[in-house]
Structure formats: C-alpha cells, structure tokens
N, C-alpha and C. Protein backbone atom coordinates (compact mmCIF):
# COMPACT_ATOMS: atom_id res chain seq x y z
N MET A 1 -1.12 -10.30 19.47
CA MET A 1 -1.60 -9.43 18.14
C MET A 1 -1.27 -7.93 18.20
N GLU A 2 -2.30 -7.88 19.07
CA GLU A 2 -2.25 -6.08 19.52
C GLU A 2 -1.26 -5.38 19.46
N LYS A 3 -0.61 -6.13 20.59
CA LYS A 3 0.89 -5.77 20.69
C LYS A 3 1.98 -5.37 19.77
N LEU A 4 2.13 -6.05 18.67
CA LEU A 4 2.70 -6.22 17.62
C LEU A 4 2.35 -4.81 17.11
N LEU A 5 1.22 -4.64 16.71
CA LEU A 5 0.08 -3.91 16.27
C LEU A 5 0.74 -2.35 16.48
N LYS A 6 0.63 -2.04 17.38
CA LYS A 6 1.08 -0.92 18.69
C LYS A 6 2.58 -0.79 18.55
N GLN A 7 3.58 -1.84 18.28
CA GLN A 7 4.85 -1.55 19.04
C GLN A 7 5.03 -1.14 16.65
N THR A 8 4.52 -1.39 15.77
CA THR A 8 4.81 -0.86 14.63
C THR A 8 3.87 0.04 14.40
N LEU A 9 2.97 0.48 14.92
CA LEU A 9 2.49 2.34 14.62
C LEU A 9 3.02 3.54 15.47
N SER A 10 4.04 2.63 16.76
CA SER A 10 4.69 3.20 17.41
C SER A 10 6.15 4.12 16.23
N ALA A 11 6.85 2.73 16.18
CA ALA A 11 7.85 2.73 15.19
C ALA A 11 7.74 3.69 13.59
N ALA A 12 6.07 3.43 12.87
CA ALA A 12 6.28 4.35 12.04
C ALA A 12 5.73 5.86 12.26
N LYS A 13 5.51 6.15 13.29
CA LYS A 13 5.62 7.21 13.76
C LYS A 13 6.90 8.36 13.84
N LYS A 14 7.52 7.49 13.80
CA LYS A 14 8.94 7.91 13.88
C LYS A 14 9.72 7.84 12.48
N TYR A 15 9.22 6.99 11.16
CA TYR A 15 9.71 7.47 10.05
C TYR A 15 9.80 8.84 9.39
N ASN A 16 11.09 8.61 8.93
CA ASN A 16 11.28 10.15 7.78
C ASN A 16 10.92 9.74 6.65
N ALA A 17 11.00 10.79 5.71
CA ALA A 17 10.72 10.88 4.40
C ALA A 17 11.77 9.61 3.63
N TRP A 18 12.52 9.53 3.83
CA TRP A 18 13.70 8.52 3.22
C TRP A 18 13.09 6.70 3.56
N ASP A 19 12.82 6.98 5.04
CA ASP A 19 11.93 5.71 5.33
C ASP A 19 10.74 5.28 4.51
N TYR A 20 9.73 5.74 4.55
CA TYR A 20 8.97 5.74 3.68
C TYR A 20 9.45 5.60 2.08
N ALA A 21 10.19 6.45 1.87
CA ALA A 21 10.45 6.07 0.50
C ALA A 21 11.15 4.35 0.48
N TRP A 22 11.73 4.07 0.92
CA TRP A 22 12.57 2.71 1.26
C TRP A 22 11.78 1.84 1.12
N LEU A 23 10.38 2.21 2.30
CA LEU A 23 8.98 1.19 2.17
C LEU A 23 8.42 1.16 0.99
N LYS A 24 8.31 2.49 0.34
CA LYS A 24 7.26 2.67 -0.84
C LYS A 24 8.11 1.97 -2.44
N THR A 25 9.79 1.76 -1.81
CA THR A 25 10.69 1.40 -3.16
C THR A 25 10.51 -0.17 -2.80
N CYS A 26 10.56 -0.78 -1.59
CA CYS A 26 9.98 -2.34 -1.37
C CYS A 26 8.89 -3.08 -1.67
N LEU A 27 7.98 -2.12 -1.66
CA LEU A 27 6.48 -2.73 -1.99
C LEU A 27 6.11 -2.80 -3.92
N VAL A 28 7.11 -1.76 -4.36
CA VAL A 28 6.62 -1.74 -5.81
C VAL A 28 7.68 -2.84 -6.32
N ALA A 29 8.69 -3.29 -5.67
CA ALA A 29 9.62 -4.08 -6.05
C ALA A 29 8.82 -5.85 -6.14
N LEU A 30 8.23 -5.76 -4.87
CA LEU A 30 7.71 -6.86 -4.40
C LEU A 30 6.57 -6.94 -5.18
N GLY A 31 5.65 -5.69 -6.03
CA GLY A 31 4.49 -6.17 -7.14
C GLY A 31 4.88 -6.74 -7.85
N ILE A 32 6.04 -5.60 -8.64
CA ILE A 32 6.86 -6.36 -9.74
C ILE A 32 6.96 -7.58 -9.59
N ILE A 33 7.71 -8.23 -8.42
CA ILE A 33 8.15 -9.77 -8.53
C ILE A 33 6.79 -10.47 -8.21
N LEU A 34 5.85 -10.35 -7.75
CA LEU A 34 4.91 -10.99 -7.96
C LEU A 34 3.73 -11.20 -9.38
N GLY A 35 3.86 -9.87 -9.69
CA GLY A 35 3.17 -9.14 -11.27
C GLY A 35 3.58 -10.69 -12.31
N ALA A 36 4.99 -10.88 -12.32
CA ALA A 36 6.10 -11.64 -12.92
C ALA A 36 5.83 -13.10 -12.66
N TYR A 37 5.84 -13.40 -11.82
CA TYR A 37 5.67 -14.65 -11.28
C TYR A 37 4.14 -15.05 -11.23
N PHE A 38 2.79 -14.33 -11.32
CA PHE A 38 1.88 -14.64 -10.96
C PHE A 38 1.11 -13.96 -12.47
N SER A 39 2.21 -13.73 -13.62
CA SER A 39 1.48 -12.92 -14.94
C SER A 39 -0.18 -13.62 -15.40
N SER A 40 0.38 -15.02 -15.54
CA SER A 40 -1.04 -15.72 -16.03
C SER A 40 -2.21 -15.59 -14.97
N PHE A 41 -1.73 -15.47 -14.00
CA PHE A 41 -3.12 -15.63 -12.84
C PHE A 41 -4.01 -14.43 -13.14
N PHE A 42 -3.17 -13.25 -12.66
CA PHE A 42 -3.91 -12.29 -12.33
C PHE A 42 -4.45 -11.61 -13.70
N LEU A 43 -3.80 -11.90 -15.35
CA LEU A 43 -4.45 -11.50 -16.19
C LEU A 43 -5.57 -11.78 -16.16
N LYS A 44 -6.22 -13.68 -15.58
CA LYS A 44 -7.47 -13.70 -15.62
C LYS A 44 -8.34 -12.52 -14.88
N TYR A 45 -7.69 -12.23 -13.77
CA TYR A 45 -8.62 -11.09 -12.94
C TYR A 45 -8.26 -9.99 -12.71
N ILE A 46 -7.84 -9.39 -14.48
CA ILE A 46 -7.19 -7.84 -14.20
C ILE A 46 -8.47 -6.98 -13.81
N THR A 47 -9.76 -7.72 -14.49
CA THR A 47 -10.36 -5.91 -14.00
C THR A 47 -10.95 -6.34 -12.58
N VAL A 48 -10.96 -7.04 -11.79
CA VAL A 48 -11.27 -7.40 -10.13
C VAL A 48 -9.19 -6.34 -9.30
N VAL A 49 -8.31 -6.20 -10.27
CA VAL A 49 -7.29 -5.82 -10.00
C VAL A 49 -7.72 -4.70 -9.82
N TRP A 50 -8.07 -4.31 -10.99
CA TRP A 50 -8.29 -2.49 -11.24
C TRP A 50 -9.54 -2.26 -10.09
N VAL A 51 -10.33 -2.67 -9.93
CA VAL A 51 -11.56 -2.16 -9.03
C VAL A 51 -10.85 -1.88 -8.41
N ILE A 52 -10.00 -2.85 -7.55
CA ILE A 52 -9.68 -2.89 -6.41
C ILE A 52 -8.29 -2.02 -5.91
N ALA A 53 -7.60 -1.81 -7.30
CA ALA A 53 -6.69 -0.06 -7.03
C ALA A 53 -7.52 0.79 -7.25
N ILE A 54 -8.36 1.32 -7.87
CA ILE A 54 -9.24 2.29 -7.97
C ILE A 54 -9.94 2.67 -6.09
N ILE A 55 -10.64 1.74 -5.48
CA ILE A 55 -10.60 2.12 -4.62
C ILE A 55 -10.37 2.15 -3.42
N THR A 56 -9.27 1.69 -3.58
CA THR A 56 -7.79 2.34 -2.50
C THR A 56 -7.84 3.34 -2.82
N TYR A 57 -7.36 3.88 -3.75
CA TYR A 57 -7.04 5.11 -4.46
C TYR A 57 -7.85 6.21 -4.08
N ILE A 58 -9.34 5.92 -4.00
CA ILE A 58 -10.08 6.82 -4.39
C ILE A 58 -10.16 6.96 -2.37
N TRP A 59 -10.49 5.87 -1.81
CA TRP A 59 -10.22 5.54 -0.02
C TRP A 59 -8.97 6.54 0.20
N ILE A 60 -7.82 6.68 0.19
CA ILE A 60 -6.52 7.09 0.39
C ILE A 60 -6.85 8.59 -0.08
N ILE A 61 -7.15 9.01 -1.37
CA ILE A 61 -7.36 11.25 -1.39
C ILE A 61 -8.64 11.29 -0.61
N TYR A 62 -9.77 10.61 -0.55
CA TYR A 62 -10.33 10.77 0.96
C TYR A 62 -9.63 11.19 2.03
N LYS A 63 -8.98 10.17 2.49
CA LYS A 63 -8.93 9.93 3.96
C LYS A 63 -7.90 11.60 3.80
N THR A 64 -6.71 11.71 3.15
CA THR A 64 -5.83 12.61 3.02
C THR A 64 -6.34 14.15 2.74
N PHE A 65 -7.29 14.34 2.07
CA PHE A 65 -7.47 15.28 1.76
C PHE A 65 -9.24 15.85 1.40
N VAL A 66 -9.72 15.52 2.53
CA VAL A 66 -11.26 15.12 3.23
C VAL A 66 -11.42 15.02 4.53
N LYS A 67 -11.30 14.02 4.74
CA LYS A 67 -11.04 13.55 6.24
C LYS A 67 -9.71 14.52 7.36
N TYR A 68 -8.72 13.88 6.91
CA TYR A 68 -7.84 14.85 7.91
C TYR A 68 -7.56 16.34 7.36
N LYS A 69 -8.40 16.45 6.61
CA LYS A 69 -7.66 18.02 6.20
C LYS A 69 -7.31 18.75 7.74
N VAL A 70 -6.00 19.86 7.49
CA VAL A 70 -5.67 20.35 8.13
C VAL A 70 -5.93 21.93 8.02
C-alpha cells in the first residue's frame, strides 16, 4: 500500500493544469452520478453532508493560504 501511495504522489507531482482539470471534471461527474442514484439517501443526511463540505473547504483554504503561504 505504501508503494502505491508513493507512486501515486510521484505521478501527481508531474501533473500539469490540464491533468488537474481532467481530474476535477471526473470527480464532479462521479459526484453528480452518485447524487442522482442515491439522492433519497443523501437527502436524509443533507446536514451532515453540508458540515463535511464546509469543514473540508475550510481545511483546504487554510492549507493553501495560511500554512503553505509562499
């Protein structure tokens, strides 16, 4: 597992902007598909989903603009 993680991180270091754009597009599409198939399930837990989204957003903003500030 550790070898797979190192290989993945090594490959990600070589990504360019287009690679990340394709990755984000893929993740958004998968999120829409999952949301369509499991909408009734997620509506029951929409508050939890919002809390997770907000916490992770704040974490990414912190890492980007505070911790890794250049």
